[in-house]
Amino acid sequence: QVQLVESGGGLVQAGGSLRLSCTASGSMYSGMFRIKTMGWYRQAPGKERESVAVVTRDGNTNYADSVKGRFTISRDNAKNTVYLRMNSLKPEDTAVYYCNTVAGGWAWGQGTQVTVSS
């Protein structure tokens, strides 16, 4: 079983920045992580989980319109880690942030809380 551990969240004022990390570990064969399309997701109170950003095995990226130009997703396959750099944060970015494979199949981690104050 693969475990996902997210970190890097916190409380920040509007306009601030954070960098989130998500590391996969556990039952993975060599090279397994690098072939996965990985995504960052978020869930705000009372709302459904939504996709924020995606990075393919080739490094191609895609973003939700709400974060385009402000967030940057990247990956380090040697570390089985995906990152989310978040700039110009807004109060509406407040949520618990998770990572996972886009195809699914890995258990969700506990996420990391991001709170943006106005």
Protein backbone atom coordinates (compact mmCIF):
# COMPACT_ATOMS: atom_id res chain seq x y z
CA GLN A 1 0.00 0.00 0.00
CA VAL A 2 1.20 3.49 -0.87
CA GLN A 3 1.11 6.23 1.74
CA LEU A 4 0.85 9.90 0.83
CA VAL A 5 2.02 12.53 3.29
CA GLU A 6 1.30 16.20 2.64
CA SER A 7 3.06 19.05 4.43
CA GLY A 8 3.82 22.73 4.20
CA GLY A 9 0.44 24.24 4.96
CA GLY A 10 -0.16 26.99 7.46
CA LEU A 11 -1.71 30.35 8.16
CA VAL A 12 -0.77 33.15 5.79
CA GLN A 13 -2.06 36.59 5.00
CA ALA A 14 -3.67 37.35 1.67
CA GLY A 15 -1.00 37.94 -0.93
CA GLY A 16 1.42 35.59 0.77
CA SER A 17 3.01 32.39 -0.45
CA LEU A 18 3.37 28.78 0.62
CA ARG A 19 5.00 25.68 -0.81
CA LEU A 20 3.31 22.37 -0.24
CA SER A 21 5.01 19.00 -0.49
CA CYS A 22 3.59 15.53 -0.90
CA THR A 23 5.74 12.43 -0.62
CA ALA A 24 4.71 8.93 -1.57
CA SER A 25 6.14 5.92 0.20
CA GLY A 26 5.36 2.28 0.87
CA SER A 27 4.67 -0.49 -1.58
CA MET A 28 6.04 0.96 -4.78
CA TYR A 29 8.23 -0.76 -7.31
CA SER A 30 11.20 1.15 -8.63
CA GLY A 31 10.09 3.86 -11.00
CA MET A 32 6.44 3.55 -10.11
CA PHE A 33 6.05 7.14 -8.99
CA ARG A 34 7.60 8.65 -12.10
CA ILE A 35 5.01 7.12 -14.43
CA LYS A 36 2.07 8.49 -12.49
CA THR A 37 0.19 11.64 -13.39
CA MET A 38 -0.05 13.40 -10.05
CA GLY A 39 -2.48 16.01 -8.90
CA TRP A 40 -3.09 18.43 -6.09
CA TYR A 41 -6.63 18.73 -4.82
CA ARG A 42 -8.33 20.83 -2.19
CA GLN A 43 -11.47 20.68 -0.12
CA ALA A 44 -12.94 23.73 1.58
CA PRO A 45 -15.47 23.44 4.41
CA GLY A 46 -18.87 22.45 3.07
CA LYS A 47 -17.58 21.94 -0.46
CA GLU A 48 -16.57 18.98 -2.56
CA ARG A 49 -12.95 18.13 -3.22
CA GLU A 50 -11.72 19.82 -6.39
CA SER A 51 -8.70 19.45 -8.64
CA VAL A 52 -6.22 22.30 -8.42
CA ALA A 53 -3.25 21.26 -10.53
CA VAL A 54 -1.94 18.26 -12.43
CA VAL A 55 1.52 17.23 -13.60
CA THR A 56 2.03 14.36 -16.03
CA ARG A 57 4.88 11.90 -16.16
CA ASP A 58 6.42 14.10 -18.87
CA GLY A 59 6.17 17.25 -16.78
CA ASN A 60 3.21 18.76 -18.58
CA THR A 61 0.98 20.75 -16.27
CA ASN A 62 -2.63 21.86 -16.11
CA TYR A 63 -4.37 24.15 -13.63
CA ALA A 64 -7.82 25.06 -12.48
CA ASP A 65 -8.84 28.47 -13.78
CA SER A 66 -9.07 29.78 -10.22
CA VAL A 67 -5.34 29.23 -9.57
CA LYS A 68 -3.85 29.68 -13.02
CA GLY A 69 -0.94 32.12 -12.95
CA ARG A 70 -0.62 31.90 -9.17
CA PHE A 71 0.13 28.22 -8.45
CA THR A 72 2.90 26.05 -9.87
CA ILE A 73 3.00 22.28 -9.64
CA SER A 74 6.27 20.39 -9.97
CA ARG A 75 7.70 17.00 -9.16
CA ASP A 76 10.94 15.36 -8.08
CA ASN A 77 10.74 11.73 -9.13
CA ALA A 78 13.96 10.86 -7.33
CA LYS A 79 12.25 11.83 -4.08
CA ASN A 80 8.78 10.50 -4.97
CA THR A 81 7.55 14.00 -4.21
CA VAL A 82 5.23 16.49 -5.83
CA TYR A 83 5.16 20.17 -4.90
CA LEU A 84 2.69 23.01 -5.14
CA ARG A 85 4.04 26.51 -5.03
CA MET A 86 1.24 28.93 -4.18
CA ASN A 87 1.70 32.67 -4.67
CA SER A 88 -0.68 35.61 -4.30
CA LEU A 89 -2.87 33.59 -1.99
CA LYS A 90 -6.47 34.63 -1.52
CA PRO A 91 -8.91 33.88 1.31
CA GLU A 92 -10.85 31.64 -1.09
CA ASP A 93 -7.78 29.40 -1.33
CA THR A 94 -8.43 28.33 2.27
CA ALA A 95 -8.88 24.55 2.28
CA VAL A 96 -7.27 21.25 3.13
CA TYR A 97 -4.90 20.34 0.32
CA TYR A 98 -4.25 16.77 -0.79
CA CYS A 99 -2.23 15.07 -3.46
CA ASN A 100 -2.94 11.81 -5.27
CA THR A 101 -2.60 10.09 -8.56
CA VAL A 102 -5.09 11.35 -11.10
CA ALA A 103 -6.01 7.79 -12.01
CA GLY A 104 -6.81 7.00 -8.39
CA GLY A 105 -5.99 3.83 -6.55
CA TRP A 106 -3.88 5.28 -3.77
CA ALA A 107 -5.37 6.03 -0.38
CA TRP A 108 -5.79 9.69 0.41
CA GLY A 109 -3.44 11.18 2.96
CA GLN A 110 -4.49 13.45 5.80
CA GLY A 111 -3.86 16.56 3.80
CA THR A 112 -2.37 19.85 4.91
CA GLN A 113 -4.44 22.83 6.04
CA VAL A 114 -3.98 26.13 4.26
CA THR A 115 -5.65 29.15 5.82
CA VAL A 116 -5.47 32.54 4.15
CA SER A 117 -6.55 35.52 6.21
CA SER A 118 -7.86 38.72 4.66
